[in-house]
Amino acid sequence: MEQRIQEKKLREIERIAETIKELATPQMQPKALIDAVKNRHPEASKKEIARAAFLSVILSAEYSPEDTQALHDLAVETREEGDG
């Protein structure tokens, strides 16, 4: 049962990461991206969005280095704000 819950959470983080990748643009302010992600995933916590942003950074670093810094900034800013 616990494993099923973890798998469900991971799938949700992956869906949020895909949304972040789709919505993120260079020079986009982290707050604007967070708001856009929350519009698509209203149930997502800031902690989940931060995790998804870090996942996006990891996955995009090799293929899209120009987007990596913006995603990293989002992840760090979201994590520093805490879950709210």
C-alpha atoms as a PDB file:
ATOM      1  CA  MET A   1       0.000   0.000   0.000  1.00  0.00           C
ATOM      2  CA  GLU A   2       2.764   2.466   0.952  1.00  0.00           C
ATOM      3  CA  GLN A   3       4.553   1.710  -2.310  1.00  0.00           C
ATOM      4  CA  ARG A   4       1.385   2.479  -4.293  1.00  0.00           C
ATOM      5  CA  ILE A   5       1.091   5.839  -2.550  1.00  0.00           C
ATOM      6  CA  GLN A   6       4.730   6.644  -3.327  1.00  0.00           C
ATOM      7  CA  GLU A   7       4.273   5.646  -6.963  1.00  0.00           C
ATOM      8  CA  LYS A   8       1.192   7.869  -7.228  1.00  0.00           C
ATOM      9  CA  LYS A   9       3.124  10.809  -5.752  1.00  0.00           C
ATOM     10  CA  LEU A  10       6.001  10.218  -8.162  1.00  0.00           C
ATOM     11  CA  ARG A  11       3.637  10.148 -11.143  1.00  0.00           C
ATOM     12  CA  GLU A  12       2.112  13.451  -9.996  1.00  0.00           C
ATOM     13  CA  ILE A  13       5.573  15.028  -9.612  1.00  0.00           C
ATOM     14  CA  GLU A  14       6.400  13.834 -13.129  1.00  0.00           C
ATOM     15  CA  ARG A  15       3.176  15.396 -14.488  1.00  0.00           C
ATOM     16  CA  ILE A  16       3.996  18.680 -12.757  1.00  0.00           C
ATOM     17  CA  ALA A  17       7.553  18.509 -14.149  1.00  0.00           C
ATOM     18  CA  GLU A  18       6.132  18.139 -17.659  1.00  0.00           C
ATOM     19  CA  THR A  19       3.928  21.182 -17.091  1.00  0.00           C
ATOM     20  CA  ILE A  20       6.905  23.184 -15.845  1.00  0.00           C
ATOM     21  CA  LYS A  21       8.919  22.191 -18.894  1.00  0.00           C
ATOM     22  CA  GLU A  22       6.035  23.202 -21.158  1.00  0.00           C
ATOM     23  CA  LEU A  23       5.364  26.570 -19.487  1.00  0.00           C
ATOM     24  CA  ALA A  24       8.862  27.758 -18.563  1.00  0.00           C
ATOM     25  CA  THR A  25      10.423  30.420 -20.742  1.00  0.00           C
ATOM     26  CA  PRO A  26      13.749  32.242 -20.432  1.00  0.00           C
ATOM     27  CA  GLN A  27      13.591  35.240 -18.068  1.00  0.00           C
ATOM     28  CA  MET A  28      10.235  34.094 -16.688  1.00  0.00           C
ATOM     29  CA  GLN A  29       9.893  35.090 -13.068  1.00  0.00           C
ATOM     30  CA  PRO A  30       9.625  32.093 -10.729  1.00  0.00           C
ATOM     31  CA  LYS A  31       6.414  33.433  -9.161  1.00  0.00           C
ATOM     32  CA  ALA A  32       4.772  33.681 -12.590  1.00  0.00           C
ATOM     33  CA  LEU A  33       5.747  30.096 -13.371  1.00  0.00           C
ATOM     34  CA  ILE A  34       4.520  28.878  -9.986  1.00  0.00           C
ATOM     35  CA  ASP A  35       1.181  30.615 -10.574  1.00  0.00           C
ATOM     36  CA  ALA A  36       0.892  29.074 -14.049  1.00  0.00           C
ATOM     37  CA  VAL A  37       1.679  25.616 -12.680  1.00  0.00           C
ATOM     38  CA  LYS A  38      -0.851  26.086  -9.852  1.00  0.00           C
ATOM     39  CA  ASN A  39      -3.497  26.932 -12.480  1.00  0.00           C
ATOM     40  CA  ARG A  40      -2.972  23.528 -14.086  1.00  0.00           C
ATOM     41  CA  HIS A  41      -2.336  21.636 -10.841  1.00  0.00           C
ATOM     42  CA  PRO A  42      -4.332  23.456  -8.150  1.00  0.00           C
ATOM     43  CA  GLU A  43      -3.855  20.620  -5.672  1.00  0.00           C
ATOM     44  CA  ALA A  44      -0.036  20.788  -5.937  1.00  0.00           C
ATOM     45  CA  SER A  45       1.836  22.134  -2.937  1.00  0.00           C
ATOM     46  CA  LYS A  46       4.830  24.428  -3.319  1.00  0.00           C
ATOM     47  CA  LYS A  47       6.952  21.552  -2.064  1.00  0.00           C
ATOM     48  CA  GLU A  48       5.689  19.331  -4.893  1.00  0.00           C
ATOM     49  CA  ILE A  49       6.269  22.103  -7.418  1.00  0.00           C
ATOM     50  CA  ALA A  50       9.828  22.554  -6.114  1.00  0.00           C
ATOM     51  CA  ARG A  51      10.481  18.821  -6.404  1.00  0.00           C
ATOM     52  CA  ALA A  52       9.077  18.818  -9.918  1.00  0.00           C
ATOM     53  CA  ALA A  53      11.224  21.817 -10.830  1.00  0.00           C
ATOM     54  CA  PHE A  54      14.356  20.049  -9.605  1.00  0.00           C
ATOM     55  CA  LEU A  55      13.322  16.986 -11.615  1.00  0.00           C
ATOM     56  CA  SER A  56      12.897  19.242 -14.659  1.00  0.00           C
ATOM     57  CA  VAL A  57      16.377  20.680 -14.094  1.00  0.00           C
ATOM     58  CA  ILE A  58      17.888  17.222 -13.946  1.00  0.00           C
ATOM     59  CA  LEU A  59      16.063  16.000 -17.030  1.00  0.00           C
ATOM     60  CA  SER A  60      16.611  19.137 -19.116  1.00  0.00           C
ATOM     61  CA  ALA A  61      20.259  19.813 -18.255  1.00  0.00           C
ATOM     62  CA  GLU A  62      21.547  17.486 -20.955  1.00  0.00           C
ATOM     63  CA  TYR A  63      19.061  18.425 -23.671  1.00  0.00           C
ATOM     64  CA  SER A  64      18.157  22.047 -22.991  1.00  0.00           C
ATOM     65  CA  PRO A  65      20.915  23.836 -21.080  1.00  0.00           C
ATOM     66  CA  GLU A  66      19.449  27.286 -21.818  1.00  0.00           C
ATOM     67  CA  ASP A  67      16.325  26.421 -19.819  1.00  0.00           C
ATOM     68  CA  THR A  68      18.187  24.804 -16.945  1.00  0.00           C
ATOM     69  CA  GLN A  69      19.047  28.034 -15.097  1.00  0.00           C
ATOM     70  CA  ALA A  70      15.453  29.297 -15.114  1.00  0.00           C
ATOM     71  CA  LEU A  71      14.189  25.959 -13.848  1.00  0.00           C
ATOM     72  CA  HIS A  72      16.894  25.859 -11.182  1.00  0.00           C
ATOM     73  CA  ASP A  73      15.967  29.376 -10.017  1.00  0.00           C
ATOM     74  CA  LEU A  74      12.322  28.331  -9.743  1.00  0.00           C
ATOM     75  CA  ALA A  75      13.204  25.235  -7.746  1.00  0.00           C
ATOM     76  CA  VAL A  76      15.432  27.126  -5.324  1.00  0.00           C
ATOM     77  CA  GLU A  77      13.023  30.025  -4.841  1.00  0.00           C
ATOM     78  CA  THR A  78      10.085  27.697  -4.267  1.00  0.00           C
ATOM     79  CA  ARG A  79      12.020  25.576  -1.782  1.00  0.00           C
ATOM     80  CA  GLU A  80      13.175  28.674   0.122  1.00  0.00           C
ATOM     81  CA  GLU A  81       9.620  30.013   0.419  1.00  0.00           C
ATOM     82  CA  GLY A  82       8.545  26.840   2.152  1.00  0.00           C
ATOM     83  CA  ASP A  83       5.291  24.992   1.682  1.00  0.00           C
ATOM     84  CA  GLY A  84       2.470  27.474   1.770  1.00  0.00           C
END
